Protein backbone atom coordinates (compact mmCIF):
# COMPACT_ATOMS: atom_id res chain seq x y z
CA MET A 1 -13.28 0.16 34.87
CA SER A 2 -11.69 0.03 38.33
CA THR A 3 -14.00 0.13 41.41
CA THR A 4 -13.50 2.74 44.20
CA LEU A 5 -13.34 1.00 47.62
CA ASN A 6 -13.99 2.81 50.95
CA PRO A 7 -11.82 1.88 53.90
CA THR A 8 -14.17 -0.97 54.92
CA GLY A 9 -13.59 -2.75 51.56
CA THR A 10 -16.91 -2.23 49.95
CA ASP A 11 -17.91 -0.83 46.58
CA ARG A 12 -20.35 2.19 45.91
CA ASN A 13 -23.18 -0.39 46.25
CA GLY A 14 -22.18 -1.74 49.66
CA ALA A 15 -21.04 -5.02 48.36
CA ALA A 16 -17.87 -6.61 49.87
CA GLU A 17 -14.92 -6.92 47.65
CA PRO A 18 -11.49 -8.55 48.23
CA ARG A 19 -8.60 -6.27 48.67
CA LEU A 20 -4.93 -6.61 48.79
CA CYS A 21 -2.21 -4.38 50.51
CA GLY A 22 1.54 -4.04 51.03
CA TRP A 23 2.99 -4.23 54.53
CA GLY A 24 2.33 -0.34 54.50
CA ARG A 25 -1.46 -1.38 54.61
CA ARG A 26 -2.53 0.80 51.60
CA TYR A 27 -5.28 -1.28 50.00
CA VAL A 28 -6.36 -1.80 46.45
CA PRO A 29 -8.88 -4.07 44.85
CA GLY A 30 -7.51 -7.68 44.24
CA ARG A 31 -7.14 -11.25 45.35
CA GLU A 32 -4.54 -13.92 45.36
CA ILE A 33 -4.91 -17.39 43.80
CA ARG A 34 -2.80 -20.00 45.19
CA SER A 35 -1.65 -23.45 44.26
CA GLU A 36 1.17 -25.89 44.86
CA ASP A 37 1.62 -25.98 41.17
CA LEU A 38 3.29 -22.65 40.39
CA GLU A 39 3.95 -23.66 36.72
CA SER A 40 0.19 -23.91 36.04
CA LEU A 41 -0.90 -21.08 38.42
CA THR A 42 1.16 -18.50 36.66
CA ARG A 43 0.05 -18.98 33.19
CA ASP A 44 -2.41 -16.02 33.02
CA VAL A 45 -1.74 -13.60 35.79
CA VAL A 46 0.37 -10.42 35.70
CA LEU A 47 2.27 -10.62 38.86
CA SER A 48 3.55 -13.12 41.55
CA ARG A 49 3.31 -12.23 45.18
CA GLY A 50 4.80 -13.97 48.28
CA LEU A 51 4.17 -12.99 51.99
CA GLY A 52 3.24 -9.38 51.19
CA ARG A 53 6.20 -7.74 53.02
CA ALA A 54 7.01 -5.19 50.17
CA TYR A 55 6.03 -1.85 51.91
CA GLY A 56 4.59 -0.18 48.87
CA ASP A 57 2.94 -1.09 45.77
CA SER A 58 5.27 -3.34 44.01
CA ALA A 59 3.44 -6.59 44.99
CA LEU A 60 -0.10 -5.04 44.09
CA PRO A 61 -1.82 -5.51 40.62
CA PRO A 62 -2.39 -2.80 38.29
CA PRO A 63 -5.75 -1.08 38.36
CA SER A 64 -7.20 -3.25 35.25
CA GLU A 65 -6.16 -6.52 36.89
CA ARG A 66 -7.48 -8.02 40.15
CA VAL A 67 -5.58 -11.33 40.48
CA VAL A 68 -2.19 -12.20 41.40
CA ALA A 69 -0.47 -15.52 41.97
CA GLY A 70 0.10 -16.32 45.65
CA THR A 71 3.20 -18.39 45.86
CA THR A 72 3.28 -19.61 49.46
CA LEU A 73 1.89 -23.15 48.90
CA ALA A 74 4.69 -23.76 46.44
CA ASP A 75 7.38 -24.07 49.19
CA ARG A 76 9.06 -27.52 48.62
CA LEU A 77 12.72 -27.81 49.25
CA LEU A 78 13.96 -29.62 46.07
CA SER A 79 17.77 -30.58 46.59
CA PHE A 80 20.67 -29.71 49.03
CA ASP A 81 24.29 -30.26 48.61
CA ALA A 82 25.70 -30.65 52.08
CA ASP A 83 29.31 -30.56 50.81
CA HIS A 84 29.03 -27.15 49.01
CA GLY A 85 25.88 -25.55 50.43
CA TRP A 86 23.95 -25.41 47.11
CA LEU A 87 20.12 -25.34 47.70
CA ARG A 88 17.45 -25.41 45.33
CA ALA A 89 13.83 -24.86 46.40
CA GLU A 90 10.55 -23.47 44.99
CA ALA A 91 9.99 -19.72 45.15
CA GLY A 92 7.32 -19.79 47.84
CA LEU A 93 9.56 -21.21 50.58
CA SER A 94 9.82 -18.70 53.37
CA LEU A 95 13.11 -17.68 55.10
CA LEU A 96 11.33 -18.47 58.37
CA GLU A 97 11.04 -22.19 57.15
CA LEU A 98 14.58 -22.11 55.79
CA ASN A 99 16.04 -20.86 59.10
CA ARG A 100 14.01 -23.55 61.14
CA LEU A 101 15.34 -26.08 59.09
CA PHE A 102 18.99 -25.16 58.48
CA LEU A 103 20.21 -22.95 61.46
CA PRO A 104 20.26 -26.00 63.89
CA ARG A 105 22.21 -27.94 61.22
CA GLY A 106 24.89 -25.11 60.87
CA TRP A 107 23.77 -23.30 57.86
CA PHE A 108 22.38 -19.77 57.19
CA THR A 109 21.23 -17.77 54.20
CA PRO A 110 24.11 -15.86 52.60
CA VAL A 111 22.12 -12.55 52.84
CA SER A 112 19.19 -11.86 55.09
CA PRO A 113 16.86 -8.85 55.14
CA GLY A 114 15.25 -7.47 58.37
CA THR A 115 12.34 -9.90 58.35
CA GLN A 116 12.13 -13.72 57.94
CA PHE A 117 8.57 -13.30 56.71
CA VAL A 118 9.68 -13.18 53.00
CA THR A 119 9.77 -15.82 50.32
CA LEU A 120 12.84 -16.90 48.43
CA GLY A 121 11.08 -15.50 45.11
CA GLY A 122 10.57 -12.15 46.83
CA MET A 123 14.21 -12.07 48.04
CA VAL A 124 15.32 -12.44 44.48
CA ALA A 125 12.67 -9.84 43.11
CA ALA A 126 13.76 -7.26 45.60
CA ASP A 127 17.45 -8.29 45.64
CA VAL A 128 17.55 -8.02 49.24
CA HIS A 129 20.42 -6.79 51.12
CA GLY A 130 21.27 -7.08 54.87
CA LYS A 131 23.69 -6.12 57.62
CA ASN A 132 26.46 -7.87 55.88
CA HIS A 133 26.27 -5.85 52.63
CA HIS A 134 29.57 -4.28 53.13
CA ARG A 135 31.16 -7.68 52.76
CA ASP A 136 28.79 -9.96 51.02
CA ARG A 137 26.51 -7.69 48.67
CA CYS A 138 23.18 -8.49 47.70
CA PHE A 139 21.23 -11.80 47.77
CA GLY A 140 21.32 -12.08 44.05
CA GLU A 141 25.12 -12.56 44.16
CA HIS A 142 24.66 -15.76 45.76
CA VAL A 143 22.00 -17.23 43.29
CA ARG A 144 23.17 -19.54 40.60
CA ARG A 145 19.95 -20.44 38.83
CA LEU A 146 16.41 -19.22 38.51
CA LYS A 147 13.62 -21.12 36.92
CA MET A 148 11.09 -18.65 35.37
CA ARG A 149 7.93 -18.53 33.36
CA VAL A 150 8.24 -15.64 30.74
CA ALA A 151 5.85 -13.63 28.78
CA ASP A 152 5.75 -15.91 25.83
CA GLY A 153 4.71 -18.74 28.16
CA ARG A 154 7.90 -20.71 28.12
CA ILE A 155 9.60 -22.14 31.22
CA VAL A 156 13.30 -21.20 31.21
CA GLU A 157 16.33 -21.37 33.37
CA CYS A 158 18.68 -18.36 33.79
CA GLY A 159 21.73 -17.33 35.73
CA GLN A 160 24.80 -15.23 35.42
CA ASP A 161 26.24 -17.49 32.57
CA LEU A 162 22.82 -18.44 31.12
CA LEU A 163 20.37 -15.96 29.70
CA SER A 164 22.24 -13.49 31.56
CA ASP A 165 20.28 -10.36 30.48
CA LEU A 166 17.18 -11.96 31.92
CA PHE A 167 18.77 -12.96 35.06
CA ARG A 168 20.29 -9.51 35.72
CA ALA A 169 16.96 -7.82 34.96
CA THR A 170 15.12 -10.17 37.23
CA VAL A 171 17.37 -9.79 40.25
CA GLY A 172 15.85 -6.55 41.82
CA GLY A 173 13.41 -6.35 39.05
CA MET A 174 10.39 -6.39 41.26
CA GLY A 175 8.75 -9.30 39.49
CA LEU A 176 8.32 -7.49 36.21
CA THR A 177 10.38 -9.77 33.97
CA GLY A 178 8.45 -13.04 34.67
CA HIS A 179 7.19 -15.31 37.33
CA ILE A 180 10.08 -16.85 39.57
CA LEU A 181 9.32 -20.56 40.05
CA GLU A 182 12.46 -21.92 41.64
CA VAL A 183 15.56 -20.46 43.02
CA GLU A 184 19.09 -22.04 43.50
CA LEU A 185 21.48 -20.38 45.85
CA ARG A 186 24.34 -21.05 47.94
CA MET A 187 24.00 -21.45 51.69
CA LYS A 188 26.68 -20.25 54.22
CA ARG A 189 28.08 -22.63 56.78
CA ILE A 190 28.23 -21.14 60.25
CA PRO A 191 29.90 -22.43 63.50
CA SER A 192 26.74 -22.04 65.75
CA PRO A 193 23.32 -20.76 65.32
CA TRP A 194 23.94 -18.05 67.93
CA ILE A 195 25.29 -14.48 67.48
CA TRP A 196 28.06 -12.78 69.53
CA GLN A 197 27.04 -9.12 69.53
CA GLU A 198 28.88 -5.92 70.63
CA SER A 199 26.99 -2.55 70.85
CA LEU A 200 28.02 0.99 71.51
CA ARG A 201 26.06 4.14 72.31
CA ILE A 202 27.13 6.77 69.64
CA HIS A 203 26.90 10.59 70.06
CA ASP A 204 26.39 12.06 66.70
CA ILE A 205 26.26 11.12 63.04
CA ASP A 206 29.93 11.93 62.28
CA GLU A 207 31.12 9.51 65.01
CA PHE A 208 28.37 7.06 63.71
CA ILE A 209 29.91 6.88 60.26
CA ASP A 210 33.47 6.65 61.45
CA ALA A 211 32.31 3.73 63.74
CA LEU A 212 30.67 1.91 60.93
CA LYS A 213 33.63 2.35 58.68
CA GLU A 214 35.91 1.12 61.46
CA SER A 215 33.74 -1.73 62.23
CA GLY A 216 33.31 -3.08 58.72
CA PRO A 217 36.69 -4.79 58.34
CA LYS A 218 36.30 -6.48 61.65
CA TRP A 219 32.75 -7.48 61.68
CA PRO A 220 30.45 -9.41 59.10
CA TYR A 221 27.31 -7.84 60.40
CA THR A 222 27.00 -4.16 61.26
CA VAL A 223 23.85 -2.00 61.83
CA GLY A 224 22.63 1.12 63.60
CA TRP A 225 19.66 2.60 64.99
CA ILE A 226 19.46 6.51 64.88
CA ASP A 227 17.46 9.18 66.68
CA CYS A 228 16.21 11.05 63.71
CA LEU A 229 14.62 13.74 65.81
CA SER A 230 17.72 15.07 67.68
CA ARG A 231 19.23 18.20 66.23
CA GLY A 232 22.57 20.32 66.78
CA PRO A 233 25.36 18.51 68.25
CA LYS A 234 23.26 15.36 69.07
CA MET A 235 22.11 14.96 65.47
CA GLY A 236 22.43 11.33 64.28
CA ARG A 237 23.09 9.96 67.80
CA GLY A 238 22.09 6.18 68.14
CA ILE A 239 23.32 2.73 68.85
CA LEU A 240 25.81 0.77 66.79
CA MET A 241 25.25 -3.12 66.75
CA CYS A 242 27.99 -5.45 65.24
CA GLY A 243 27.68 -9.28 65.21
CA ARG A 244 29.29 -12.49 64.05
CA TRP A 245 28.36 -16.08 64.47
CA ALA A 246 29.54 -17.21 67.88
CA GLU A 247 32.28 -19.93 67.85
CA ARG A 248 31.36 -23.23 69.65
CA PRO A 249 33.16 -22.64 72.87
CA LEU A 250 31.21 -19.35 73.40
CA ALA A 251 27.74 -20.58 72.24
CA PRO A 252 25.04 -22.28 74.31
CA ARG A 253 24.97 -26.02 73.59
CA LYS A 254 21.35 -26.26 72.42
CA PRO A 255 20.07 -24.27 69.43
CA PRO A 256 17.71 -21.34 69.98
CA ARG A 257 14.08 -22.04 70.16
CA LEU A 258 11.71 -19.73 68.01
CA LYS A 259 10.95 -16.66 70.07
CA LYS A 260 7.28 -15.94 71.24
CA ARG A 261 5.63 -13.33 69.34
CA ILE A 262 3.64 -10.36 70.84
CA PRO A 263 0.68 -9.61 68.83
CA ILE A 264 -0.57 -6.05 68.02
CA PRO A 265 -4.38 -6.79 68.20
CA PHE A 266 -5.59 -3.44 66.69
CA GLU A 267 -4.76 -0.20 64.89
CA LEU A 268 -3.52 2.54 67.04
CA PRO A 269 -5.09 6.02 66.72
CA GLU A 270 -2.97 8.56 64.83
CA TRP A 271 -2.33 10.78 67.76
CA VAL A 272 -0.14 7.86 69.40
CA LEU A 273 2.50 8.65 66.81
CA SER A 274 2.85 12.29 67.59
CA ARG A 275 6.13 13.92 67.26
CA ARG A 276 6.17 14.28 71.09
CA SER A 277 5.69 10.58 71.63
CA ILE A 278 8.23 9.52 69.18
CA LYS A 279 10.77 12.08 70.71
CA LEU A 280 10.07 10.68 74.19
CA PHE A 281 10.49 7.11 72.86
CA ASN A 282 13.72 7.96 71.06
CA GLU A 283 15.13 9.44 74.34
CA LEU A 284 14.26 6.46 76.40
CA TYR A 285 15.72 4.01 73.72
CA TYR A 286 18.91 5.86 73.40
CA TRP A 287 19.48 6.11 77.26
CA LYS A 288 18.32 2.56 77.93
CA HIS A 289 21.49 1.26 76.39
CA GLN A 290 23.55 0.92 79.67
CA PRO A 291 26.53 0.79 79.97
CA ARG A 292 27.49 2.55 76.88
CA PHE A 293 29.36 -0.49 75.47
CA LYS A 294 27.71 -4.03 75.73
CA LYS A 295 28.86 -7.41 74.67
CA GLY A 296 27.47 -10.97 74.70
CA ILE A 297 25.52 -13.93 73.13
CA VAL A 298 22.28 -12.92 71.75
CA HIS A 299 19.41 -14.87 69.90
CA PRO A 300 19.68 -14.87 65.98
CA GLU A 301 16.09 -13.54 65.85
CA SER A 302 16.80 -10.70 68.30
CA PHE A 303 19.84 -9.70 66.10
CA PHE A 304 18.57 -10.13 62.61
CA TYR A 305 14.76 -9.81 63.01
CA PRO A 306 13.86 -7.64 66.12
CA LEU A 307 10.52 -6.33 64.52
CA ASP A 308 9.34 -10.04 63.85
CA MET A 309 8.82 -10.28 67.70
CA MET A 310 5.69 -8.24 67.24
CA LEU A 311 3.06 -9.78 64.90
CA HIS A 312 1.22 -7.05 62.90
CA TRP A 313 3.46 -4.39 64.02
CA ASN A 314 2.44 -2.26 61.04
CA ARG A 315 -1.01 -1.75 62.93
CA ILE A 316 1.04 0.75 65.08
CA TYR A 317 0.98 3.43 62.35
CA GLY A 318 -2.79 3.79 62.38
CA PRO A 319 -5.70 3.39 59.97
CA ARG A 320 -3.89 5.35 57.15
CA GLY A 321 -0.89 3.11 57.34
CA PHE A 322 2.78 4.19 56.50
CA THR A 323 5.46 4.18 54.14
CA GLN A 324 9.13 3.35 54.50
CA TYR A 325 11.58 5.69 52.99
CA GLN A 326 15.16 4.04 52.25
CA CYS A 327 17.86 5.64 50.23
CA VAL A 328 21.45 5.12 49.73
CA LEU A 329 23.81 8.11 49.95
CA PRO A 330 26.97 7.24 47.86
CA GLU A 331 30.39 7.43 49.20
CA SER A 332 31.24 9.96 46.31
CA ALA A 333 28.94 12.41 48.20
CA GLY A 334 31.44 12.71 51.10
CA ARG A 335 31.01 12.16 54.61
CA GLY A 336 28.70 15.26 55.02
CA ALA A 337 25.71 13.74 52.97
CA ALA A 338 24.26 11.93 55.82
CA ARG A 339 24.36 14.97 58.13
CA ARG A 340 22.62 16.98 55.27
CA PHE A 341 20.06 14.38 54.74
CA LEU A 342 19.19 14.18 58.51
CA ASP A 343 19.11 17.92 58.83
CA LEU A 344 16.51 18.13 56.11
CA LEU A 345 14.44 15.23 57.61
CA THR A 346 14.51 16.91 61.12
CA ARG A 347 13.45 20.18 59.58
CA LYS A 348 10.67 18.91 57.63
CA GLY A 349 9.28 16.97 60.66
CA GLY A 350 10.09 13.42 59.56
CA ALA A 351 9.43 11.85 62.84
CA SER A 352 10.25 8.18 63.18
CA PHE A 353 11.13 5.75 65.90
CA LEU A 354 12.57 3.35 63.48
CA CYS A 355 15.51 4.96 61.65
CA VAL A 356 18.31 2.54 60.53
CA ILE A 357 21.74 3.20 58.98
CA LYS A 358 23.99 0.63 57.32
CA ASP A 359 27.29 0.67 55.49
CA CYS A 360 27.00 -0.62 51.99
CA GLY A 361 29.59 -2.29 49.73
CA GLU A 362 29.82 -2.77 45.95
CA GLU A 363 26.79 -2.41 43.76
CA GLY A 364 25.09 -5.54 42.76
CA SER A 365 24.86 -7.14 39.25
CA GLY A 366 21.03 -6.80 39.20
CA LEU A 367 20.21 -3.99 36.88
CA LEU A 368 17.89 -2.31 39.54
CA SER A 369 19.72 -3.64 42.59
CA PHE A 370 19.39 -0.89 45.42
CA PRO A 371 22.65 -0.70 47.31
CA ARG A 372 25.88 0.85 46.17
CA ARG A 373 29.09 1.83 47.99
CA GLY A 374 27.87 4.36 50.69
CA MET A 375 25.54 4.72 53.52
CA SER A 376 21.93 3.54 53.48
CA ILE A 377 19.19 5.24 55.77
CA ALA A 378 15.87 3.77 56.21
CA LEU A 379 12.95 5.24 58.22
CA ASP A 380 9.19 4.50 58.68
CA ILE A 381 6.87 7.42 58.05
CA ALA A 382 3.15 7.34 59.11
CA ILE A 383 0.90 8.45 56.35
CA ARG A 384 -0.29 12.01 56.77
CA ASP A 385 -1.64 14.86 54.50
CA GLU A 386 1.88 16.05 53.96
CA THR A 387 3.67 12.72 53.26
CA GLN A 388 3.96 13.16 49.45
CA ARG A 389 5.55 16.68 49.96
CA LEU A 390 8.02 15.24 52.52
CA VAL A 391 9.04 12.36 50.18
CA ASP A 392 9.41 14.76 47.18
CA GLU A 393 11.85 16.87 49.32
CA LEU A 394 13.85 13.85 50.49
CA ASN A 395 14.13 12.44 46.87
CA GLU A 396 15.28 15.94 45.76
CA GLU A 397 18.07 15.84 48.33
CA VAL A 398 19.04 12.31 47.41
CA ILE A 399 19.12 13.30 43.59
CA ALA A 400 21.54 16.15 44.65
CA GLU A 401 23.76 13.79 46.44
CA GLY A 402 23.87 11.17 43.69
CA GLY A 403 21.87 8.50 45.46
CA ARG A 404 18.83 6.53 44.91
CA ILE A 405 15.80 4.84 46.84
CA TYR A 406 14.73 1.25 47.29
CA LEU A 407 11.82 0.02 45.06
CA ALA A 408 10.81 -2.66 47.61
CA LYS A 409 9.85 0.06 50.01
CA ASP A 410 8.65 2.82 47.91
CA SER A 411 5.10 3.96 47.75
CA PHE A 412 5.33 7.58 46.76
CA THR A 413 8.26 8.45 44.50
CA ARG A 414 7.45 10.14 41.20
CA PRO A 415 8.57 8.92 37.83
CA GLY A 416 10.73 11.87 37.03
CA HIS A 417 12.59 11.60 40.53
CA PHE A 418 13.13 7.89 39.82
CA ARG A 419 14.61 8.43 36.51
CA SER A 420 16.89 11.13 37.81
CA MET A 421 18.16 8.67 40.53
CA GLU A 422 18.68 5.59 38.18
CA PRO A 423 21.08 5.86 35.22
CA ARG A 424 20.62 1.95 34.80
CA LEU A 425 16.99 2.39 34.03
CA GLU A 426 17.03 2.50 30.33
CA GLU A 427 19.07 -0.67 30.12
CA TRP A 428 16.61 -2.35 32.38
CA LEU A 429 13.62 -1.33 30.37
CA GLU A 430 15.42 -2.45 26.98
CA VAL A 431 15.84 -5.98 28.38
CA ARG A 432 12.35 -6.06 29.73
CA ARG A 433 10.83 -4.98 26.40
CA ARG A 434 12.99 -7.77 24.73
CA TRP A 435 11.56 -10.38 27.09
CA ASP A 436 7.97 -8.85 27.44
CA PRO A 437 7.25 -6.63 24.54
CA GLU A 438 3.50 -6.32 25.36
CA GLN A 439 3.93 -5.70 29.04
CA LYS A 440 2.32 -8.79 30.37
CA PHE A 441 3.83 -8.49 33.56
CA ARG A 442 2.92 -5.37 35.48
CA SER A 443 2.24 -3.90 39.04
CA ALA A 444 0.58 -0.94 40.69
CA GLN A 445 4.07 0.14 41.08
CA SER A 446 5.12 -0.24 37.48
CA VAL A 447 2.19 1.91 36.31
CA ARG A 448 3.07 4.62 38.73
CA LEU A 449 6.88 4.74 38.04
CA PHE A 450 7.30 3.46 34.52
CA GLY A 451 4.07 4.45 32.75
CA ASP A 452 2.78 0.97 32.16
CA ARG A 453 -0.63 0.57 30.93
CA PRO A 454 -3.02 0.36 33.91
């Protein structure tokens, strides 16, 4: 029987009990066990967990299980081929450490998410994408081999050409096909560790989509911030940022130092994130970009990981935490899909000071990989009484447009909605049943979405 915890993390008798949460700060009973020996650590647990940056419940244990394998002590770099860029490392190696070691040496991960506080295993499980998806697709497209512990206890290697069904179900499979022990990927050679960036203030969503599409062939990295509270002719206004690795003549001679991080020391009260305060922030952020067009050298952390500059930034959302809603609206829905989505969002009061738009390329080979050709929109939503209703209505709009949501960010999607979005789900479930017929590997998310035993 599960134990109900109150917000202080005690049971009904007042005894302290360990808890786990995702980055959205919604807690469940549970604890991590850690070891440098992942092969031994993963023998009897239902799920692996890295640095806990999945926003929702995908890295949390199901109700009947309290223990997950924490991978972060298993972080050795095992081999690197400097001629071709092939790197092999344990699944607990963080992207932060990978950047620290390789950026000054002229190498970068082929795909990077919006935080470097993630592990290689987590990057595979979520099949992360980045600002270069329109060119380089997802992380899994650059992975050659995975070493895994599967449900019957065996340690196996898989790849696109080896046990390919397991590989394709694992890439983007949220850890539900086995424990990822090692990852082999191809790093990307770069001319310098600095970014040349050009940015432009954009007037509305239609201009934004045009600018993203025009920038894609010219720039390897593109991303936009949107003011998601403006309506009428200003709907979807924001700032477009385009970047590429700076060539040596333009780049500073010394490699960039790690940036200092500003801590958020405590939870902010709920009233701080009122619609009025977010509207004021968005107005100031939009007009702060002066002049309208800017260009120059920027620090790679400022370009790829702006939120990493604030430690514990998730405390901004208050004691109830937050969820991130990220969807992709396919190209087949037409250029009006983004405007229709933003219109619904603003009408329903989905206030957020973080709303990001990206241009997506071809669908990944992972059976549950998130992006597809179209526009991705992501926003943070502070959890309130009406959050479930808002997510339901956003999901219904996304289904009508033929889109889907990102499992690594999700906390509220209903099973029926996800099935309506995901025509590949039955194929993924069949592969999963083949490799794990007794559902040894489960999570709080798989119980909620797929009906796994709790």
